[in-house]
């Protein structure tokens, strides 16, 4: 009886560990996706806010491309058949909010690093 309880407990903990691993994979993939989309705006800055890595281009099409990619990403993340193409899981709503906050923090950190030439100073390229 005790051995059966231990096997059941181990199987439950292994299922929980697999779910946690899949959630972590989905979280990291979603974060990287939206950071990559934001990186487009740094590479070809459409407005002065995004200037840091390149000169101001002023081309609004980059903004439209980033917006379209964000819009297309939402069904990929939320619809089960599309989500399964990438082996993602559906996260809770607060998880997506946390990811969004971290993407915004990442945007400001990258902007600060590029405008301050932090990498160039660190690698003594200046």
C-alpha atoms as a PDB file:
ATOM      1  CA  UNK A   1       0.000   0.000   0.000  1.00  0.00           C
ATOM      2  CA  UNK A   2       2.788   2.415   0.902  1.00  0.00           C
ATOM      3  CA  UNK A   3       4.706   1.500  -2.266  1.00  0.00           C
ATOM      4  CA  UNK A   4       1.626   2.278  -4.385  1.00  0.00           C
ATOM      5  CA  UNK A   5       1.287   5.655  -2.680  1.00  0.00           C
ATOM      6  CA  UNK A   6       4.931   6.463  -3.374  1.00  0.00           C
ATOM      7  CA  UNK A   7       4.593   5.549  -7.057  1.00  0.00           C
ATOM      8  CA  UNK A   8       1.491   7.722  -7.340  1.00  0.00           C
ATOM      9  CA  UNK A   9       3.249  10.602  -5.601  1.00  0.00           C
ATOM     10  CA  UNK A  10       6.292  10.281  -7.879  1.00  0.00           C
ATOM     11  CA  UNK A  11       4.140  10.232 -11.005  1.00  0.00           C
ATOM     12  CA  UNK A  12       2.277  13.356  -9.862  1.00  0.00           C
ATOM     13  CA  UNK A  13       5.531  15.171  -9.146  1.00  0.00           C
ATOM     14  CA  UNK A  14       6.984  14.181 -12.511  1.00  0.00           C
ATOM     15  CA  UNK A  15       3.854  15.428 -14.294  1.00  0.00           C
ATOM     16  CA  UNK A  16       4.137  18.706 -12.398  1.00  0.00           C
ATOM     17  CA  UNK A  17       7.820  18.974 -13.321  1.00  0.00           C
ATOM     18  CA  UNK A  18       7.034  18.443 -17.009  1.00  0.00           C
ATOM     19  CA  UNK A  19       4.287  21.089 -16.867  1.00  0.00           C
ATOM     20  CA  UNK A  20       6.656  23.531 -15.192  1.00  0.00           C
ATOM     21  CA  UNK A  21       9.298  22.879 -17.856  1.00  0.00           C
ATOM     22  CA  UNK A  22       6.797  23.433 -20.670  1.00  0.00           C
ATOM     23  CA  UNK A  23       5.534  26.632 -19.024  1.00  0.00           C
ATOM     24  CA  UNK A  24       9.099  27.879 -18.660  1.00  0.00           C
ATOM     25  CA  UNK A  25       9.802  27.077 -22.315  1.00  0.00           C
ATOM     26  CA  UNK A  26       6.659  28.936 -23.388  1.00  0.00           C
ATOM     27  CA  UNK A  27       7.514  31.920 -21.203  1.00  0.00           C
ATOM     28  CA  UNK A  28      11.031  32.191 -22.591  1.00  0.00           C
ATOM     29  CA  UNK A  29       9.841  31.740 -26.179  1.00  0.00           C
ATOM     30  CA  UNK A  30       7.157  34.408 -25.790  1.00  0.00           C
ATOM     31  CA  UNK A  31       9.600  36.834 -24.181  1.00  0.00           C
ATOM     32  CA  UNK A  32      12.178  36.271 -26.933  1.00  0.00           C
ATOM     33  CA  UNK A  33       9.524  36.681 -29.624  1.00  0.00           C
ATOM     34  CA  UNK A  34       8.372  40.081 -28.406  1.00  0.00           C
ATOM     35  CA  UNK A  35      11.913  41.273 -27.680  1.00  0.00           C
ATOM     36  CA  UNK A  36      12.848  40.328 -31.236  1.00  0.00           C
ATOM     37  CA  UNK A  37       9.920  42.293 -32.587  1.00  0.00           C
ATOM     38  CA  UNK A  38      10.964  45.301 -30.503  1.00  0.00           C
ATOM     39  CA  UNK A  39      14.525  44.925 -31.775  1.00  0.00           C
ATOM     40  CA  UNK A  40      13.245  45.683 -35.269  1.00  0.00           C
ATOM     41  CA  UNK A  41      12.337  49.141 -34.043  1.00  0.00           C
ATOM     42  CA  UNK A  42      15.862  49.706 -32.714  1.00  0.00           C
ATOM     43  CA  UNK A  43      17.552  48.541 -35.913  1.00  0.00           C
ATOM     44  CA  UNK A  44      15.505  50.848 -38.159  1.00  0.00           C
ATOM     45  CA  UNK A  45      14.149  53.523 -35.780  1.00  0.00           C
ATOM     46  CA  UNK A  46      10.877  55.016 -37.019  1.00  0.00           C
ATOM     47  CA  UNK A  47      10.743  57.716 -34.300  1.00  0.00           C
ATOM     48  CA  UNK A  48      13.343  59.489 -32.120  1.00  0.00           C
ATOM     49  CA  UNK A  49      12.404  57.311 -29.119  1.00  0.00           C
ATOM     50  CA  UNK A  50      13.912  54.220 -30.772  1.00  0.00           C
ATOM     51  CA  UNK A  51      17.161  55.879 -31.880  1.00  0.00           C
ATOM     52  CA  UNK A  52      20.172  54.252 -30.307  1.00  0.00           C
ATOM     53  CA  UNK A  53      21.670  51.619 -32.562  1.00  0.00           C
ATOM     54  CA  UNK A  54      21.061  53.383 -35.862  1.00  0.00           C
ATOM     55  CA  UNK A  55      20.293  56.827 -37.193  1.00  0.00           C
ATOM     56  CA  UNK A  56      16.688  57.995 -37.326  1.00  0.00           C
ATOM     57  CA  UNK A  57      15.140  56.560 -40.450  1.00  0.00           C
ATOM     58  CA  UNK A  58      11.614  57.865 -39.989  1.00  0.00           C
ATOM     59  CA  UNK A  59      10.072  55.072 -42.053  1.00  0.00           C
ATOM     60  CA  UNK A  60       6.711  54.210 -40.490  1.00  0.00           C
ATOM     61  CA  UNK A  61       6.543  50.874 -42.319  1.00  0.00           C
ATOM     62  CA  UNK A  62       8.823  49.345 -39.679  1.00  0.00           C
ATOM     63  CA  UNK A  63       6.260  50.298 -37.021  1.00  0.00           C
ATOM     64  CA  UNK A  64       3.503  48.728 -39.082  1.00  0.00           C
ATOM     65  CA  UNK A  65       5.563  45.574 -39.537  1.00  0.00           C
ATOM     66  CA  UNK A  66       6.204  45.295 -35.785  1.00  0.00           C
ATOM     67  CA  UNK A  67       2.525  45.892 -35.038  1.00  0.00           C
ATOM     68  CA  UNK A  68       1.464  43.277 -37.607  1.00  0.00           C
ATOM     69  CA  UNK A  69       3.906  40.771 -36.127  1.00  0.00           C
ATOM     70  CA  UNK A  70       2.488  41.387 -32.639  1.00  0.00           C
ATOM     71  CA  UNK A  71      -1.057  40.950 -33.942  1.00  0.00           C
ATOM     72  CA  UNK A  72      -0.151  37.708 -35.734  1.00  0.00           C
ATOM     73  CA  UNK A  73       1.674  36.437 -32.637  1.00  0.00           C
ATOM     74  CA  UNK A  74      -1.430  36.597 -30.443  1.00  0.00           C
ATOM     75  CA  UNK A  75      -3.362  33.843 -32.295  1.00  0.00           C
ATOM     76  CA  UNK A  76      -0.183  31.767 -32.495  1.00  0.00           C
ATOM     77  CA  UNK A  77       0.069  31.887 -28.732  1.00  0.00           C
ATOM     78  CA  UNK A  78      -3.625  31.621 -27.880  1.00  0.00           C
ATOM     79  CA  UNK A  79      -5.081  29.099 -30.354  1.00  0.00           C
ATOM     80  CA  UNK A  80      -4.354  25.485 -29.508  1.00  0.00           C
ATOM     81  CA  UNK A  81      -3.717  24.123 -33.041  1.00  0.00           C
ATOM     82  CA  UNK A  82      -1.289  26.948 -33.834  1.00  0.00           C
ATOM     83  CA  UNK A  83       0.306  26.809 -30.385  1.00  0.00           C
ATOM     84  CA  UNK A  84       0.982  23.094 -30.756  1.00  0.00           C
ATOM     85  CA  UNK A  85       3.067  23.776 -33.887  1.00  0.00           C
ATOM     86  CA  UNK A  86       5.687  25.297 -31.607  1.00  0.00           C
ATOM     87  CA  UNK A  87       5.111  23.003 -28.594  1.00  0.00           C
ATOM     88  CA  UNK A  88       3.890  25.908 -26.487  1.00  0.00           C
ATOM     89  CA  UNK A  89       1.416  25.764 -23.614  1.00  0.00           C
ATOM     90  CA  UNK A  90      -1.280  28.206 -22.643  1.00  0.00           C
ATOM     91  CA  UNK A  91      -0.077  30.319 -19.750  1.00  0.00           C
ATOM     92  CA  UNK A  92      -2.233  32.102 -17.200  1.00  0.00           C
ATOM     93  CA  UNK A  93      -3.115  35.733 -17.910  1.00  0.00           C
ATOM     94  CA  UNK A  94      -0.896  37.100 -15.132  1.00  0.00           C
ATOM     95  CA  UNK A  95       2.044  35.286 -16.745  1.00  0.00           C
ATOM     96  CA  UNK A  96       1.502  37.188 -19.983  1.00  0.00           C
ATOM     97  CA  UNK A  97       1.315  40.433 -18.033  1.00  0.00           C
ATOM     98  CA  UNK A  98       4.643  39.658 -16.364  1.00  0.00           C
ATOM     99  CA  UNK A  99       6.171  38.882 -19.765  1.00  0.00           C
ATOM    100  CA  UNK A 100       4.897  42.219 -21.108  1.00  0.00           C
ATOM    101  CA  UNK A 101       6.413  44.088 -18.160  1.00  0.00           C
ATOM    102  CA  UNK A 102       9.761  42.377 -18.702  1.00  0.00           C
ATOM    103  CA  UNK A 103       9.690  43.208 -22.418  1.00  0.00           C
ATOM    104  CA  UNK A 104       9.134  46.883 -21.568  1.00  0.00           C
ATOM    105  CA  UNK A 105      12.017  46.749 -19.076  1.00  0.00           C
ATOM    106  CA  UNK A 106      14.175  45.081 -21.740  1.00  0.00           C
ATOM    107  CA  UNK A 107      13.305  47.842 -24.248  1.00  0.00           C
ATOM    108  CA  UNK A 108      14.439  50.557 -21.851  1.00  0.00           C
ATOM    109  CA  UNK A 109      17.602  48.653 -20.904  1.00  0.00           C
ATOM    110  CA  UNK A 110      18.555  48.154 -24.554  1.00  0.00           C
ATOM    111  CA  UNK A 111      17.797  51.798 -25.305  1.00  0.00           C
ATOM    112  CA  UNK A 112      19.986  52.907 -22.389  1.00  0.00           C
ATOM    113  CA  UNK A 113      22.816  50.551 -23.385  1.00  0.00           C
ATOM    114  CA  UNK A 114      22.805  51.607 -27.034  1.00  0.00           C
ATOM    115  CA  UNK A 115      22.556  55.326 -26.324  1.00  0.00           C
ATOM    116  CA  UNK A 116      25.264  55.124 -23.680  1.00  0.00           C
ATOM    117  CA  UNK A 117      27.536  52.972 -25.884  1.00  0.00           C
ATOM    118  CA  UNK A 118      27.920  50.561 -22.963  1.00  0.00           C
ATOM    119  CA  UNK A 119      29.038  47.611 -25.092  1.00  0.00           C
ATOM    120  CA  UNK A 120      31.638  49.689 -26.933  1.00  0.00           C
ATOM    121  CA  UNK A 121      33.076  50.940 -23.644  1.00  0.00           C
ATOM    122  CA  UNK A 122      33.063  47.460 -22.124  1.00  0.00           C
ATOM    123  CA  UNK A 123      34.913  46.009 -25.105  1.00  0.00           C
ATOM    124  CA  UNK A 124      37.177  49.108 -25.383  1.00  0.00           C
ATOM    125  CA  UNK A 125      36.071  49.755 -28.950  1.00  0.00           C
ATOM    126  CA  UNK A 126      35.873  53.536 -28.565  1.00  0.00           C
END
